[in-house]
């Protein structure tokens, strides 16, 4: 029976955990198949095509100011889809609660195909580009033409944060890359989580750096994918010793049990069956076996800067630090700030944003950029998200 149970568990792992990059059952041929993101792309494309000049805009006091940083891509331009997915499905109360801006990160915005797209301008609250002194404009153009992403990326981040600080009083500021797609109901879910986080940190509200909206399962894997690399054999011994002791006690109290718990059976259980199940547990992958609970949790690790939300006070605080640093890979720079300043980094689950970019802003190779991908996002249920959206909207706005 134990062998049959193990084989059934093995088959289940093989058919269900092929998306988990930390799993021995990871299948690259199937793992990157788009499911929920394809569904959202269809919804968002229709929404974008039907956009009108009378589209609802943000109120004068939105809870969130969000900026999409966008550059021209060599292939399909993702910006329109990213913005549309962020807005599609929002209730009037939600739309009024978020100010959406787009930074066209070119010294000549005419270079960007979406700069003159009327539908995009109808949907967002503001589409803007650099307003700089000639000397700064010249330097920025040099970084742009020389593909100096280390300097220009940090500059664009500073410029986007400063835009929200100067143009809104929003308590939260989000910076998004333009090659992402959002899940239905992302805004109310996120704002409710931010409210819960604020209550949790009421005694020290300035003690956190950001809330991460996107993450990928490679960041949450076990320490090792090698058999034995996660102390499986030590765990087996630790579990076998009390099991043997229990069986010996029971057999001593009830001799009749010896017939089904003889020494041979006990040896097979402790030396074969128990380690087999423990090894299978770890080989199945941490993200599959122990997925994060819904909500927000402190997470000092994590990948990338596809979507980060900063409390306003922190955004003001880190501007000077970013300006002093001047260059670097943003996720590393922000992690350094968090470590040096003792600020907590939080992550939201389930992931409500997917990265669709095969070609990143930093010219990451296709294979590496593709791996910046949330497997669990593709398994989201449209129906469950729709129901959750209604509930989150009711909790926040009472409607």
Protein backbone atom coordinates (compact mmCIF):
# COMPACT_ATOMS: atom_id res chain seq x y z
CA UNK A 1 0.00 0.00 0.00
CA UNK A 2 2.82 2.40 0.84
CA UNK A 3 4.44 1.78 -2.53
CA UNK A 4 1.14 2.46 -4.30
CA UNK A 5 0.66 5.65 -2.28
CA UNK A 6 4.20 6.81 -3.13
CA UNK A 7 3.69 6.10 -6.84
CA UNK A 8 0.39 8.00 -6.81
CA UNK A 9 2.11 10.93 -5.10
CA UNK A 10 4.92 10.79 -7.67
CA UNK A 11 2.45 10.91 -10.57
CA UNK A 12 0.59 13.79 -8.92
CA UNK A 13 3.84 15.75 -8.55
CA UNK A 14 4.78 15.11 -12.17
CA UNK A 15 1.42 16.29 -13.49
CA UNK A 16 0.93 19.29 -11.18
CA UNK A 17 4.34 20.72 -10.25
CA UNK A 18 5.90 21.08 -13.70
CA UNK A 19 5.77 24.88 -13.40
CA UNK A 20 7.85 25.09 -10.21
CA UNK A 21 11.48 25.92 -11.12
CA UNK A 22 12.58 24.64 -7.71
CA UNK A 23 11.04 21.22 -8.36
CA UNK A 24 12.65 18.12 -9.82
CA UNK A 25 9.48 17.86 -11.91
CA UNK A 26 10.03 21.25 -13.58
CA UNK A 27 9.37 20.96 -17.32
CA UNK A 28 10.62 23.97 -19.24
CA UNK A 29 8.60 22.99 -22.31
CA UNK A 30 5.32 23.37 -20.40
CA UNK A 31 6.27 25.71 -17.56
CA UNK A 32 6.07 28.93 -19.57
CA UNK A 33 2.73 28.17 -21.20
CA UNK A 34 0.53 31.21 -20.73
CA UNK A 35 -2.89 30.60 -19.22
CA UNK A 36 -4.21 33.35 -16.98
CA UNK A 37 -1.98 36.01 -18.53
CA UNK A 38 -3.37 35.12 -21.98
CA UNK A 39 -6.89 35.48 -20.58
CA UNK A 40 -6.02 38.88 -19.11
CA UNK A 41 -4.35 40.00 -22.33
CA UNK A 42 -7.53 39.30 -24.27
CA UNK A 43 -9.64 41.22 -21.74
CA UNK A 44 -7.22 44.13 -21.60
CA UNK A 45 -6.77 44.40 -25.35
CA UNK A 46 -10.53 44.68 -25.81
CA UNK A 47 -10.68 47.29 -23.05
CA UNK A 48 -7.88 49.32 -24.65
CA UNK A 49 -9.47 49.23 -28.10
CA UNK A 50 -12.73 50.54 -26.66
CA UNK A 51 -11.09 53.36 -24.68
CA UNK A 52 -12.66 56.77 -25.15
CA UNK A 53 -11.80 60.37 -24.39
CA UNK A 54 -14.40 60.27 -21.59
CA UNK A 55 -12.54 57.62 -19.61
CA UNK A 56 -12.68 58.05 -15.83
CA UNK A 57 -9.61 59.60 -14.22
CA UNK A 58 -8.18 59.78 -10.71
CA UNK A 59 -9.66 61.94 -7.99
CA UNK A 60 -7.76 64.81 -6.38
CA UNK A 61 -6.72 62.60 -3.47
CA UNK A 62 -5.92 59.09 -4.75
CA UNK A 63 -4.48 56.52 -2.37
CA UNK A 64 -1.92 55.37 -4.91
CA UNK A 65 0.20 57.22 -7.45
CA UNK A 66 1.63 54.80 -10.01
CA UNK A 67 4.16 55.49 -12.76
CA UNK A 68 4.97 53.15 -15.62
CA UNK A 69 8.53 53.70 -16.84
CA UNK A 70 8.60 52.93 -20.56
CA UNK A 71 11.16 52.79 -23.34
CA UNK A 72 10.87 51.74 -26.96
CA UNK A 73 11.31 47.99 -27.41
CA UNK A 74 12.83 46.25 -30.39
CA UNK A 75 9.80 43.98 -30.71
CA UNK A 76 6.15 44.46 -29.71
CA UNK A 77 5.58 47.46 -27.45
CA UNK A 78 4.13 46.23 -24.12
CA UNK A 79 3.12 49.57 -22.59
CA UNK A 80 -0.45 49.74 -23.89
CA UNK A 81 -1.23 46.26 -22.59
CA UNK A 82 0.36 46.97 -19.20
CA UNK A 83 -1.69 50.14 -18.65
CA UNK A 84 -4.88 48.55 -19.95
CA UNK A 85 -4.54 45.54 -17.65
CA UNK A 86 -3.99 47.84 -14.66
CA UNK A 87 -7.23 49.68 -15.45
CA UNK A 88 -9.46 46.96 -16.90
CA UNK A 89 -12.16 45.90 -14.48
CA UNK A 90 -11.64 48.72 -11.98
CA UNK A 91 -14.80 50.03 -10.38
CA UNK A 92 -15.38 53.82 -10.48
CA UNK A 93 -14.26 54.02 -6.84
CA UNK A 94 -11.06 52.13 -7.61
CA UNK A 95 -10.25 54.22 -10.68
CA UNK A 96 -10.67 57.39 -8.65
CA UNK A 97 -8.28 55.97 -6.06
CA UNK A 98 -5.26 55.53 -8.36
CA UNK A 99 -3.35 58.13 -10.36
CA UNK A 100 -1.73 56.49 -13.39
CA UNK A 101 1.23 58.19 -15.05
CA UNK A 102 3.59 57.11 -17.82
CA UNK A 103 7.18 58.26 -18.05
CA UNK A 104 8.33 58.09 -21.65
CA UNK A 105 11.97 57.56 -20.79
CA UNK A 106 13.49 59.05 -23.95
CA UNK A 107 15.18 62.40 -24.33
CA UNK A 108 13.14 62.57 -27.53
CA UNK A 109 9.75 61.03 -26.64
CA UNK A 110 8.87 60.94 -30.34
CA UNK A 111 11.10 57.85 -30.48
CA UNK A 112 8.49 55.91 -28.50
CA UNK A 113 5.67 54.45 -30.66
CA UNK A 114 3.04 55.11 -27.97
CA UNK A 115 3.85 58.78 -27.44
CA UNK A 116 1.15 59.85 -29.90
CA UNK A 117 -1.31 57.05 -29.14
CA UNK A 118 -4.58 58.85 -28.30
CA UNK A 119 -6.11 55.82 -26.58
CA UNK A 120 -3.24 55.66 -24.11
CA UNK A 121 -3.52 59.36 -23.33
CA UNK A 122 -7.28 58.95 -22.83
CA UNK A 123 -6.74 56.24 -20.23
CA UNK A 124 -3.88 57.58 -18.11
CA UNK A 125 -3.91 60.62 -15.86
CA UNK A 126 -0.66 61.96 -17.24
CA UNK A 127 1.86 60.99 -19.91
CA UNK A 128 5.10 62.89 -19.42
CA UNK A 129 8.77 62.99 -20.28
CA UNK A 130 11.84 64.77 -18.97
CA UNK A 131 11.78 68.46 -18.10
CA UNK A 132 15.47 69.15 -17.53
CA UNK A 133 18.08 71.83 -17.82
CA UNK A 134 20.11 71.59 -21.02
CA UNK A 135 23.19 70.28 -19.21
CA UNK A 136 21.23 67.46 -17.54
CA UNK A 137 19.40 66.71 -20.78
CA UNK A 138 22.70 66.33 -22.63
CA UNK A 139 24.09 63.99 -19.98
CA UNK A 140 20.92 61.90 -20.02
CA UNK A 141 21.10 61.68 -23.82
CA UNK A 142 24.67 60.39 -23.54
CA UNK A 143 23.55 57.66 -21.14
CA UNK A 144 20.67 56.81 -23.44
CA UNK A 145 22.73 56.50 -26.62
CA UNK A 146 25.54 54.60 -24.88
CA UNK A 147 23.04 52.21 -23.24
CA UNK A 148 24.31 53.16 -19.79
CA UNK A 149 21.46 51.47 -17.96
CA UNK A 150 23.22 51.58 -14.59
CA UNK A 151 23.04 55.40 -14.50
CA UNK A 152 19.89 56.00 -16.54
CA UNK A 153 17.85 53.35 -14.71
CA UNK A 154 18.50 54.97 -11.34
CA UNK A 155 17.83 58.43 -12.79
CA UNK A 156 14.48 57.30 -14.22
CA UNK A 157 13.48 55.78 -10.89
CA UNK A 158 14.30 59.02 -9.08
CA UNK A 159 12.41 61.04 -11.69
CA UNK A 160 9.33 58.80 -11.38
CA UNK A 161 9.28 58.93 -7.58
CA UNK A 162 9.75 62.70 -7.68
CA UNK A 163 6.87 63.06 -10.13
CA UNK A 164 4.42 61.43 -7.73
CA UNK A 165 5.76 63.39 -4.77
CA UNK A 166 5.40 66.68 -6.66
CA UNK A 167 2.04 66.12 -8.34
CA UNK A 168 0.00 64.16 -5.76
CA UNK A 169 -0.44 63.74 -2.03
CA UNK A 170 -0.86 59.98 -2.36
CA UNK A 171 0.30 58.05 0.71
CA UNK A 172 1.68 55.29 -1.52
CA UNK A 173 3.80 55.47 -4.66
CA UNK A 174 4.17 52.61 -7.13
CA UNK A 175 6.82 52.27 -9.81
CA UNK A 176 6.03 49.74 -12.54
CA UNK A 177 8.00 48.51 -15.49
CA UNK A 178 6.08 48.49 -18.76
CA UNK A 179 6.34 44.79 -19.67
CA UNK A 180 3.88 43.50 -17.07
CA UNK A 181 0.25 42.47 -16.90
CA UNK A 182 -2.05 42.75 -13.87
CA UNK A 183 -4.58 40.33 -12.44
CA UNK A 184 -8.23 41.25 -12.04
CA UNK A 185 -8.84 43.02 -8.74
CA UNK A 186 -5.18 43.81 -8.09
CA UNK A 187 -5.83 47.35 -6.84
CA UNK A 188 -8.37 46.72 -4.06
CA UNK A 189 -6.45 43.64 -2.95
CA UNK A 190 -3.22 45.62 -2.75
CA UNK A 191 -4.73 48.67 -1.04
CA UNK A 192 -6.43 46.47 1.56
CA UNK A 193 -3.12 44.74 2.22
CA UNK A 194 -1.43 48.12 2.57
CA UNK A 195 -4.08 49.20 5.07
CA UNK A 196 -3.54 46.02 7.08
CA UNK A 197 0.21 46.58 6.96
CA UNK A 198 -0.19 50.16 8.17
CA UNK A 199 -2.24 48.97 11.15
CA UNK A 200 0.32 46.28 11.91
CA UNK A 201 3.14 48.84 11.86
CA UNK A 202 1.25 51.61 13.65
CA UNK A 203 3.97 51.92 16.30
CA UNK A 204 6.72 52.31 13.69
CA UNK A 205 5.14 53.25 10.34
CA UNK A 206 8.43 54.28 8.70
CA UNK A 207 10.16 50.96 9.27
CA UNK A 208 9.59 49.47 5.82
CA UNK A 209 10.95 50.12 2.36
CA UNK A 210 8.51 48.66 -0.13
CA UNK A 211 5.79 46.13 -0.92
CA UNK A 212 6.72 43.84 -3.79
CA UNK A 213 3.84 42.98 -6.14
CA UNK A 214 5.79 40.64 -8.41
CA UNK A 215 7.94 37.72 -7.42
CA UNK A 216 9.05 34.49 -9.02
CA UNK A 217 9.33 31.05 -7.55
CA UNK A 218 13.09 30.78 -8.01
CA UNK A 219 13.36 33.15 -5.04
CA UNK A 220 11.48 30.79 -2.71
CA UNK A 221 13.11 27.44 -3.51
CA UNK A 222 14.75 25.06 -1.06
CA UNK A 223 18.42 25.58 -0.29
CA UNK A 224 19.36 22.72 -2.62
CA UNK A 225 17.82 20.60 -5.36
CA UNK A 226 20.25 17.73 -4.69
CA UNK A 227 18.97 14.70 -2.82
CA UNK A 228 20.34 15.05 0.68
CA UNK A 229 21.07 18.73 0.21
CA UNK A 230 18.21 19.72 2.53
CA UNK A 231 19.19 17.30 5.33
CA UNK A 232 16.64 14.71 4.22
CA UNK A 233 18.60 11.87 5.80
CA UNK A 234 18.98 13.71 9.10
CA UNK A 235 15.24 14.36 9.07
CA UNK A 236 14.63 10.67 8.33
CA UNK A 237 16.69 9.64 11.35
CA UNK A 238 14.97 12.24 13.53
CA UNK A 239 11.57 10.87 12.53
CA UNK A 240 12.57 7.20 12.57
CA UNK A 241 13.87 7.17 16.15
CA UNK A 242 10.58 8.19 17.84
CA UNK A 243 8.67 5.98 15.38
CA UNK A 244 10.75 2.94 16.35
CA UNK A 245 10.37 3.79 20.03
CA UNK A 246 6.60 4.10 19.67
CA UNK A 247 6.32 0.77 17.84
CA UNK A 248 8.44 -1.02 20.44
CA UNK A 249 6.30 0.39 23.26
CA UNK A 250 3.08 -0.61 21.50
CA UNK A 251 4.37 -4.09 20.76
CA UNK A 252 5.38 -4.49 24.39
CA UNK A 253 1.94 -3.43 25.56
CA UNK A 254 0.03 -5.30 22.86
CA UNK A 255 2.00 -8.36 21.68
CA UNK A 256 -0.64 -9.08 19.06
CA UNK A 257 0.67 -6.08 17.08
CA UNK A 258 3.95 -7.91 16.47
CA UNK A 259 2.33 -9.78 13.58
CA UNK A 260 1.86 -6.57 11.55
CA UNK A 261 4.80 -4.63 13.03
CA UNK A 262 7.65 -7.15 12.98
CA UNK A 263 11.27 -6.07 12.76
CA UNK A 264 11.41 -6.57 8.98
CA UNK A 265 8.38 -4.34 8.41
CA UNK A 266 9.78 -1.72 10.74
CA UNK A 267 13.11 -1.75 8.90
CA UNK A 268 11.43 -1.30 5.51
CA UNK A 269 9.35 1.59 6.82
CA UNK A 270 12.30 3.39 8.40
CA UNK A 271 14.94 2.67 5.77
CA UNK A 272 12.88 2.80 2.56
CA UNK A 273 9.37 4.20 2.82
CA UNK A 274 10.02 7.08 5.22
CA UNK A 275 13.07 8.48 3.36
CA UNK A 276 11.28 7.96 0.03
CA UNK A 277 8.39 10.21 1.07
CA UNK A 278 10.71 12.79 2.66
CA UNK A 279 12.87 12.96 -0.46
CA UNK A 280 9.76 13.26 -2.67
CA UNK A 281 8.51 16.12 -0.49
CA UNK A 282 11.68 18.13 -1.05
CA UNK A 283 12.05 17.18 -4.71
CA UNK A 284 8.50 18.41 -5.35
CA UNK A 285 9.65 21.98 -4.67
CA UNK A 286 9.06 24.43 -1.84
CA UNK A 287 6.76 26.72 -3.83
CA UNK A 288 4.54 23.72 -4.62
CA UNK A 289 4.53 22.08 -1.19
CA UNK A 290 4.58 25.17 1.04
CA UNK A 291 3.17 28.06 -1.00
CA UNK A 292 3.02 31.44 0.76
CA UNK A 293 -0.25 32.20 2.51
CA UNK A 294 -2.38 34.97 0.96
CA UNK A 295 -1.58 38.43 2.26
CA UNK A 296 1.65 40.24 3.07
CA UNK A 297 4.78 38.90 4.69
CA UNK A 298 8.27 40.21 5.40
CA UNK A 299 10.60 38.87 2.73
CA UNK A 300 14.22 40.05 2.60
CA UNK A 301 14.82 38.07 -0.58
CA UNK A 302 13.09 38.34 -3.93
CA UNK A 303 13.72 39.28 -7.49
CA UNK A 304 13.48 42.29 -9.65
CA UNK A 305 11.71 45.62 -9.75
CA UNK A 306 8.70 44.94 -11.99
CA UNK A 307 6.33 46.35 -9.40
CA UNK A 308 7.21 48.01 -6.08
CA UNK A 309 5.05 50.21 -3.84
CA UNK A 310 6.71 52.65 -1.43
CA UNK A 311 5.11 54.53 1.47
CA UNK A 312 5.36 58.24 0.76
CA UNK A 313 7.65 58.95 3.70
CA UNK A 314 10.09 56.28 2.57
CA UNK A 315 10.04 57.53 -1.02
CA UNK A 316 11.03 60.99 0.21
CA UNK A 317 13.74 59.48 2.37
CA UNK A 318 15.40 57.29 -0.27
CA UNK A 319 15.55 59.97 -2.98
CA UNK A 320 18.72 61.47 -1.50
CA UNK A 321 20.27 58.02 -1.15
CA UNK A 322 19.49 57.12 -4.76
CA UNK A 323 20.89 60.43 -5.96
CA UNK A 324 24.04 59.82 -3.94
CA UNK A 325 24.44 56.30 -5.34
CA UNK A 326 23.78 57.53 -8.87
CA UNK A 327 24.10 54.17 -10.60
CA UNK A 328 23.69 50.45 -10.16
CA UNK A 329 21.24 47.63 -10.70
CA UNK A 330 18.06 48.86 -9.05
CA UNK A 331 17.03 45.72 -7.21
CA UNK A 332 20.52 45.47 -5.72
CA UNK A 333 20.61 49.19 -4.88
CA UNK A 334 17.24 48.99 -3.11
CA UNK A 335 18.24 45.87 -1.20
CA UNK A 336 21.41 47.66 -0.09
CA UNK A 337 19.32 50.59 1.15
CA UNK A 338 17.02 48.24 3.07
CA UNK A 339 19.96 46.51 4.72
CA UNK A 340 21.90 49.68 5.52
CA UNK A 341 18.89 51.55 6.88
CA UNK A 342 17.28 48.63 8.67
CA UNK A 343 14.10 48.78 6.56
CA UNK A 344 11.85 45.76 6.08
CA UNK A 345 10.90 44.56 2.61
CA UNK A 346 7.45 43.02 2.18
CA UNK A 347 5.94 40.84 -0.52
CA UNK A 348 2.30 40.32 -1.43
CA UNK A 349 0.78 36.93 -2.19
CA UNK A 350 -0.68 35.65 -4.35
CA UNK A 351 1.32 37.47 -7.00
CA UNK A 352 -1.07 39.84 -8.80
CA UNK A 353 1.32 40.84 -11.57
CA UNK A 354 3.11 38.91 -14.31
CA UNK A 355 6.28 39.80 -16.19
CA UNK A 356 5.88 39.29 -19.93
CA UNK A 357 9.16 40.74 -21.16
CA UNK A 358 11.53 38.51 -23.07
CA UNK A 359 13.78 41.51 -23.63
CA UNK A 360 14.35 43.49 -20.47
CA UNK A 361 15.35 47.13 -20.26
CA UNK A 362 18.89 46.05 -19.38
CA UNK A 363 19.25 43.85 -22.48
CA UNK A 364 19.06 40.69 -20.43
CA UNK A 365 19.40 37.61 -22.58
CA UNK A 366 16.12 36.03 -23.68
CA UNK A 367 16.47 32.90 -21.53
CA UNK A 368 17.23 34.87 -18.36
CA UNK A 369 14.47 37.43 -18.94
CA UNK A 370 11.95 34.67 -19.63
CA UNK A 371 12.86 33.04 -16.32
CA UNK A 372 11.69 36.22 -14.52
CA UNK A 373 8.24 34.73 -14.50
CA UNK A 374 5.60 33.84 -11.93
CA UNK A 375 4.41 30.29 -12.42
CA UNK A 376 1.59 30.66 -9.88
CA UNK A 377 0.19 33.71 -11.69
CA UNK A 378 -0.65 31.48 -14.65
CA UNK A 379 -2.67 29.20 -12.37
CA UNK A 380 -4.93 31.95 -11.03
CA UNK A 381 -8.64 31.32 -11.46
CA UNK A 382 -10.62 34.06 -13.27
CA UNK A 383 -13.77 33.15 -11.35
CA UNK A 384 -12.11 33.14 -7.93
CA UNK A 385 -10.38 36.45 -8.66
CA UNK A 386 -13.67 37.98 -9.77
CA UNK A 387 -15.31 36.95 -6.49
CA UNK A 388 -12.31 38.17 -4.50
CA UNK A 389 -12.40 41.47 -6.39
CA UNK A 390 -16.02 42.04 -5.38
CA UNK A 391 -15.24 41.25 -1.74
CA UNK A 392 -12.11 43.43 -1.59
CA UNK A 393 -13.95 46.31 -3.24
CA UNK A 394 -16.78 45.97 -0.70
CA UNK A 395 -14.34 45.93 2.22
CA UNK A 396 -12.53 49.04 1.03
CA UNK A 397 -15.29 51.17 -0.44
CA UNK A 398 -18.43 49.64 1.03
CA UNK A 399 -19.87 48.89 -2.39
